[in-house]
Amino acid sequence: MTDNTEKMILNLPRCKDGFERCAACGKKTDVSADMPIEMRSCYVEGAGQLCRDCWAEIYGQ
């Protein structure tokens, strides 16, 4: 993705194996859908779960 590309929040279903998808790119994350949001890393309230790559690109970490 380039710097000029704005991220769009996607409304994607969970993966069939029970893991969340990234709200930005749609990639399967390593976060179980059953995990409470308080325990998750890379979770954005109001947007959803992000993969580590999108988290790093958006927040620079």
PDB file of N, CA and C in Angstrom:
ATOM      1  N   MET A   1       0.828  -1.171   0.000  1.00  0.00           N
ATOM      2  CA  MET A   1       0.000   0.000   0.000  1.00  0.00           C
ATOM      3  C   MET A   1       0.877   1.241   0.000  1.00  0.00           C
ATOM      4  N   THR A   2       0.478   2.249  -0.730  1.00  0.00           N
ATOM      5  CA  THR A   2       1.279   3.456  -0.795  1.00  0.00           C
ATOM      6  C   THR A   2       0.822   4.458   0.257  1.00  0.00           C
ATOM      7  N   ASP A   3       1.620   5.484   0.488  1.00  0.00           N
ATOM      8  CA  ASP A   3       1.271   6.515   1.458  1.00  0.00           C
ATOM      9  C   ASP A   3       0.029   7.289   1.037  1.00  0.00           C
ATOM     10  N   ASN A   4      -0.246   7.359  -0.250  1.00  0.00           N
ATOM     11  CA  ASN A   4      -1.392   8.108  -0.745  1.00  0.00           C
ATOM     12  C   ASN A   4      -2.694   7.335  -0.672  1.00  0.00           C
ATOM     13  N   THR A   5      -2.614   6.074  -0.342  1.00  0.00           N
ATOM     14  CA  THR A   5      -3.798   5.235  -0.280  1.00  0.00           C
ATOM     15  C   THR A   5      -4.440   5.344   1.091  1.00  0.00           C
ATOM     16  N   GLU A   6      -5.710   5.713   1.116  1.00  0.00           N
ATOM     17  CA  GLU A   6      -6.421   5.759   2.387  1.00  0.00           C
ATOM     18  C   GLU A   6      -6.947   4.363   2.693  1.00  0.00           C
ATOM     19  N   LYS A   7      -6.887   3.998   3.970  1.00  0.00           N
ATOM     20  CA  LYS A   7      -7.407   2.703   4.390  1.00  0.00           C
ATOM     21  C   LYS A   7      -8.917   2.797   4.482  1.00  0.00           C
ATOM     22  N   MET A   8      -9.578   1.756   4.038  1.00  0.00           N
ATOM     23  CA  MET A   8     -11.009   1.654   4.166  1.00  0.00           C
ATOM     24  C   MET A   8     -11.319   0.578   5.189  1.00  0.00           C
ATOM     25  N   ILE A   9     -12.216   0.835   6.093  1.00  0.00           N
ATOM     26  CA  ILE A   9     -12.606  -0.170   7.064  1.00  0.00           C
ATOM     27  C   ILE A   9     -13.549  -1.142   6.377  1.00  0.00           C
ATOM     28  N   LEU A  10     -13.194  -2.403   6.418  1.00  0.00           N
ATOM     29  CA  LEU A  10     -13.967  -3.442   5.755  1.00  0.00           C
ATOM     30  C   LEU A  10     -14.920  -4.097   6.736  1.00  0.00           C
ATOM     31  N   ASN A  11     -16.054  -4.522   6.252  1.00  0.00           N
ATOM     32  CA  ASN A  11     -17.010  -5.246   7.074  1.00  0.00           C
ATOM     33  C   ASN A  11     -16.987  -6.705   6.619  1.00  0.00           C
ATOM     34  N   LEU A  12     -16.014  -7.448   7.110  1.00  0.00           N
ATOM     35  CA  LEU A  12     -15.817  -8.823   6.683  1.00  0.00           C
ATOM     36  C   LEU A  12     -16.216  -9.790   7.784  1.00  0.00           C
ATOM     37  N   PRO A  13     -16.732 -10.950   7.403  1.00  0.00           N
ATOM     38  CA  PRO A  13     -17.055 -11.950   8.426  1.00  0.00           C
ATOM     39  C   PRO A  13     -15.781 -12.552   9.007  1.00  0.00           C
ATOM     40  N   ARG A  14     -15.923 -13.173  10.164  1.00  0.00           N
ATOM     41  CA  ARG A  14     -14.785 -13.873  10.758  1.00  0.00           C
ATOM     42  C   ARG A  14     -14.369 -15.028   9.864  1.00  0.00           C
ATOM     43  N   CYS A  15     -13.152 -15.490  10.066  1.00  0.00           N
ATOM     44  CA  CYS A  15     -12.684 -16.671   9.359  1.00  0.00           C
ATOM     45  C   CYS A  15     -13.470 -17.882   9.862  1.00  0.00           C
ATOM     46  N   LYS A  16     -13.613 -18.869   9.024  1.00  0.00           N
ATOM     47  CA  LYS A  16     -14.375 -20.061   9.400  1.00  0.00           C
ATOM     48  C   LYS A  16     -13.756 -20.812  10.567  1.00  0.00           C
ATOM     49  N   ASP A  17     -12.466 -20.628  10.805  1.00  0.00           N
ATOM     50  CA  ASP A  17     -11.809 -21.334  11.908  1.00  0.00           C
ATOM     51  C   ASP A  17     -11.872 -20.552  13.218  1.00  0.00           C
ATOM     52  N   GLY A  18     -12.644 -19.454  13.258  1.00  0.00           N
ATOM     53  CA  GLY A  18     -12.861 -18.723  14.497  1.00  0.00           C
ATOM     54  C   GLY A  18     -11.901 -17.594  14.782  1.00  0.00           C
ATOM     55  N   PHE A  19     -11.090 -17.221  13.827  1.00  0.00           N
ATOM     56  CA  PHE A  19     -10.168 -16.105  14.017  1.00  0.00           C
ATOM     57  C   PHE A  19     -10.728 -14.853  13.352  1.00  0.00           C
ATOM     58  N   GLU A  20     -10.334 -13.712  13.874  1.00  0.00           N
ATOM     59  CA  GLU A  20     -10.782 -12.427  13.333  1.00  0.00           C
ATOM     60  C   GLU A  20     -10.044 -12.087  12.051  1.00  0.00           C
ATOM     61  N   ARG A  21     -10.673 -11.274  11.231  1.00  0.00           N
ATOM     62  CA  ARG A  21     -10.034 -10.695  10.055  1.00  0.00           C
ATOM     63  C   ARG A  21      -9.658  -9.257  10.372  1.00  0.00           C
ATOM     64  N   CYS A  22      -8.644  -8.769   9.706  1.00  0.00           N
ATOM     65  CA  CYS A  22      -8.224  -7.388   9.871  1.00  0.00           C
ATOM     66  C   CYS A  22      -9.302  -6.460   9.311  1.00  0.00           C
ATOM     67  N   ALA A  23      -9.674  -5.457  10.099  1.00  0.00           N
ATOM     68  CA  ALA A  23     -10.703  -4.507   9.681  1.00  0.00           C
ATOM     69  C   ALA A  23     -10.217  -3.588   8.567  1.00  0.00           C
ATOM     70  N   ALA A  24      -8.913  -3.527   8.337  1.00  0.00           N
ATOM     71  CA  ALA A  24      -8.363  -2.652   7.299  1.00  0.00           C
ATOM     72  C   ALA A  24      -8.088  -3.391   5.989  1.00  0.00           C
ATOM     73  N   CYS A  25      -7.440  -4.553   6.068  1.00  0.00           N
ATOM     74  CA  CYS A  25      -7.039  -5.242   4.827  1.00  0.00           C
ATOM     75  C   CYS A  25      -7.765  -6.557   4.583  1.00  0.00           C
ATOM     76  N   GLY A  26      -8.429  -7.104   5.615  1.00  0.00           N
ATOM     77  CA  GLY A  26      -9.178  -8.341   5.454  1.00  0.00           C
ATOM     78  C   GLY A  26      -8.384  -9.604   5.695  1.00  0.00           C
ATOM     79  N   LYS A  27      -7.089  -9.471   5.968  1.00  0.00           N
ATOM     80  CA  LYS A  27      -6.237 -10.632   6.204  1.00  0.00           C
ATOM     81  C   LYS A  27      -6.608 -11.305   7.530  1.00  0.00           C
ATOM     82  N   LYS A  28      -6.494 -12.620   7.587  1.00  0.00           N
ATOM     83  CA  LYS A  28      -6.738 -13.359   8.819  1.00  0.00           C
ATOM     84  C   LYS A  28      -5.710 -12.947   9.865  1.00  0.00           C
ATOM     85  N   THR A  29      -6.186 -12.704  11.094  1.00  0.00           N
ATOM     86  CA  THR A  29      -5.281 -12.348  12.182  1.00  0.00           C
ATOM     87  C   THR A  29      -5.026 -13.572  13.045  1.00  0.00           C
ATOM     88  N   ASP A  30      -4.157 -13.402  14.039  1.00  0.00           N
ATOM     89  CA  ASP A  30      -3.884 -14.485  14.972  1.00  0.00           C
ATOM     90  C   ASP A  30      -4.716 -14.345  16.245  1.00  0.00           C
ATOM     91  N   VAL A  31      -5.807 -13.575  16.170  1.00  0.00           N
ATOM     92  CA  VAL A  31      -6.656 -13.303  17.330  1.00  0.00           C
ATOM     93  C   VAL A  31      -7.945 -14.107  17.221  1.00  0.00           C
ATOM     94  N   SER A  32      -8.211 -14.899  18.243  1.00  0.00           N
ATOM     95  CA  SER A  32      -9.441 -15.689  18.296  1.00  0.00           C
ATOM     96  C   SER A  32     -10.631 -14.766  18.476  1.00  0.00           C
ATOM     97  N   ALA A  33     -11.708 -15.063  17.783  1.00  0.00           N
ATOM     98  CA  ALA A  33     -12.928 -14.266  17.903  1.00  0.00           C
ATOM     99  C   ALA A  33     -13.500 -14.322  19.316  1.00  0.00           C
ATOM    100  N   ASP A  34     -13.151 -15.341  20.076  1.00  0.00           N
ATOM    101  CA  ASP A  34     -13.641 -15.491  21.442  1.00  0.00           C
ATOM    102  C   ASP A  34     -12.843 -14.691  22.462  1.00  0.00           C
ATOM    103  N   MET A  35     -11.700 -14.154  22.077  1.00  0.00           N
ATOM    104  CA  MET A  35     -10.858 -13.413  23.018  1.00  0.00           C
ATOM    105  C   MET A  35     -11.522 -12.072  23.360  1.00  0.00           C
ATOM    106  N   PRO A  36     -11.648 -11.752  24.645  1.00  0.00           N
ATOM    107  CA  PRO A  36     -12.214 -10.456  25.026  1.00  0.00           C
ATOM    108  C   PRO A  36     -11.372  -9.305  24.467  1.00  0.00           C
ATOM    109  N   ILE A  37     -12.027  -8.239  24.052  1.00  0.00           N
ATOM    110  CA  ILE A  37     -11.294  -7.142  23.417  1.00  0.00           C
ATOM    111  C   ILE A  37     -10.303  -6.485  24.365  1.00  0.00           C
ATOM    112  N   GLU A  38     -10.564  -6.558  25.663  1.00  0.00           N
ATOM    113  CA  GLU A  38      -9.645  -5.976  26.635  1.00  0.00           C
ATOM    114  C   GLU A  38      -8.291  -6.680  26.649  1.00  0.00           C
ATOM    115  N   MET A  39      -8.247  -7.909  26.169  1.00  0.00           N
ATOM    116  CA  MET A  39      -7.013  -8.699  26.171  1.00  0.00           C
ATOM    117  C   MET A  39      -6.296  -8.677  24.828  1.00  0.00           C
ATOM    118  N   ARG A  40      -6.885  -8.077  23.832  1.00  0.00           N
ATOM    119  CA  ARG A  40      -6.325  -8.102  22.474  1.00  0.00           C
ATOM    120  C   ARG A  40      -5.294  -7.006  22.262  1.00  0.00           C
ATOM    121  N   SER A  41      -4.310  -7.330  21.438  1.00  0.00           N
ATOM    122  CA  SER A  41      -3.421  -6.286  20.941  1.00  0.00           C
ATOM    123  C   SER A  41      -3.907  -5.945  19.529  1.00  0.00           C
ATOM    124  N   CYS A  42      -3.602  -4.770  19.085  1.00  0.00           N
ATOM    125  CA  CYS A  42      -3.956  -4.302  17.743  1.00  0.00           C
ATOM    126  C   CYS A  42      -5.473  -4.167  17.539  1.00  0.00           C
ATOM    127  N   TYR A  43      -6.212  -3.960  18.611  1.00  0.00           N
ATOM    128  CA  TYR A  43      -7.654  -3.747  18.504  1.00  0.00           C
ATOM    129  C   TYR A  43      -7.938  -2.259  18.582  1.00  0.00           C
ATOM    130  N   VAL A  44      -8.814  -1.762  17.697  1.00  0.00           N
ATOM    131  CA  VAL A  44      -9.175  -0.351  17.669  1.00  0.00           C
ATOM    132  C   VAL A  44     -10.676  -0.240  17.943  1.00  0.00           C
ATOM    133  N   GLU A  45     -11.014   0.374  19.070  1.00  0.00           N
ATOM    134  CA  GLU A  45     -12.416   0.531  19.418  1.00  0.00           C
ATOM    135  C   GLU A  45     -13.124   1.351  18.346  1.00  0.00           C
ATOM    136  N   GLY A  46     -14.248   0.876  17.905  1.00  0.00           N
ATOM    137  CA  GLY A  46     -15.016   1.547  16.863  1.00  0.00           C
ATOM    138  C   GLY A  46     -14.673   1.088  15.459  1.00  0.00           C
ATOM    139  N   ALA A  47     -13.541   0.419  15.313  1.00  0.00           N
ATOM    140  CA  ALA A  47     -13.129  -0.081  13.995  1.00  0.00           C
ATOM    141  C   ALA A  47     -13.040  -1.600  13.992  1.00  0.00           C
ATOM    142  N   GLY A  48     -12.373  -2.157  15.001  1.00  0.00           N
ATOM    143  CA  GLY A  48     -12.230  -3.602  15.092  1.00  0.00           C
ATOM    144  C   GLY A  48     -10.784  -4.043  15.168  1.00  0.00           C
ATOM    145  N   GLN A  49     -10.594  -5.309  14.904  1.00  0.00           N
ATOM    146  CA  GLN A  49      -9.282  -5.932  14.993  1.00  0.00           C
ATOM    147  C   GLN A  49      -8.446  -5.600  13.775  1.00  0.00           C
ATOM    148  N   LEU A  50      -7.181  -5.245  14.002  1.00  0.00           N
ATOM    149  CA  LEU A  50      -6.233  -5.029  12.912  1.00  0.00           C
ATOM    150  C   LEU A  50      -5.172  -6.120  12.953  1.00  0.00           C
ATOM    151  N   CYS A  51      -4.611  -6.441  11.792  1.00  0.00           N
ATOM    152  CA  CYS A  51      -3.447  -7.325  11.768  1.00  0.00           C
ATOM    153  C   CYS A  51      -2.236  -6.501  12.210  1.00  0.00           C
ATOM    154  N   ARG A  52      -1.161  -7.168  12.543  1.00  0.00           N
ATOM    155  CA  ARG A  52       0.025  -6.453  13.039  1.00  0.00           C
ATOM    156  C   ARG A  52       0.622  -5.527  11.970  1.00  0.00           C
ATOM    157  N   ASP A  53       0.551  -5.940  10.712  1.00  0.00           N
ATOM    158  CA  ASP A  53       1.100  -5.106   9.633  1.00  0.00           C
ATOM    159  C   ASP A  53       0.328  -3.796   9.493  1.00  0.00           C
ATOM    160  N   CYS A  54      -1.000  -3.867   9.496  1.00  0.00           N
ATOM    161  CA  CYS A  54      -1.809  -2.647   9.370  1.00  0.00           C
ATOM    162  C   CYS A  54      -1.657  -1.778  10.606  1.00  0.00           C
ATOM    163  N   TRP A  55      -1.587  -2.394  11.788  1.00  0.00           N
ATOM    164  CA  TRP A  55      -1.371  -1.636  13.025  1.00  0.00           C
ATOM    165  C   TRP A  55      -0.066  -0.832  12.914  1.00  0.00           C
ATOM    166  N   ALA A  56       0.988  -1.498  12.482  1.00  0.00           N
ATOM    167  CA  ALA A  56       2.286  -0.841  12.373  1.00  0.00           C
ATOM    168  C   ALA A  56       2.256   0.269  11.321  1.00  0.00           C
ATOM    169  N   GLU A  57       1.560   0.028  10.203  1.00  0.00           N
ATOM    170  CA  GLU A  57       1.497   1.041   9.155  1.00  0.00           C
ATOM    171  C   GLU A  57       0.681   2.254   9.602  1.00  0.00           C
ATOM    172  N   ILE A  58      -0.413   2.026  10.303  1.00  0.00           N
ATOM    173  CA  ILE A  58      -1.282   3.118  10.734  1.00  0.00           C
ATOM    174  C   ILE A  58      -0.702   3.868  11.919  1.00  0.00           C
ATOM    175  N   TYR A  59      -0.218   3.128  12.898  1.00  0.00           N
ATOM    176  CA  TYR A  59       0.256   3.756  14.146  1.00  0.00           C
ATOM    177  C   TYR A  59       1.769   3.881  14.244  1.00  0.00           C
ATOM    178  N   GLY A  60       2.478   3.385  13.251  1.00  0.00           N
ATOM    179  CA  GLY A  60       3.931   3.550  13.214  1.00  0.00           C
ATOM    180  C   GLY A  60       4.680   2.832  14.310  1.00  0.00           C
ATOM    181  N   GLN A  61       4.176   1.689  14.703  1.00  0.00           N
ATOM    182  CA  GLN A  61       4.824   0.933  15.786  1.00  0.00           C
ATOM    183  C   GLN A  61       5.234  -0.432  15.320  1.00  0.00           C
TER     184      GLN A  61
END
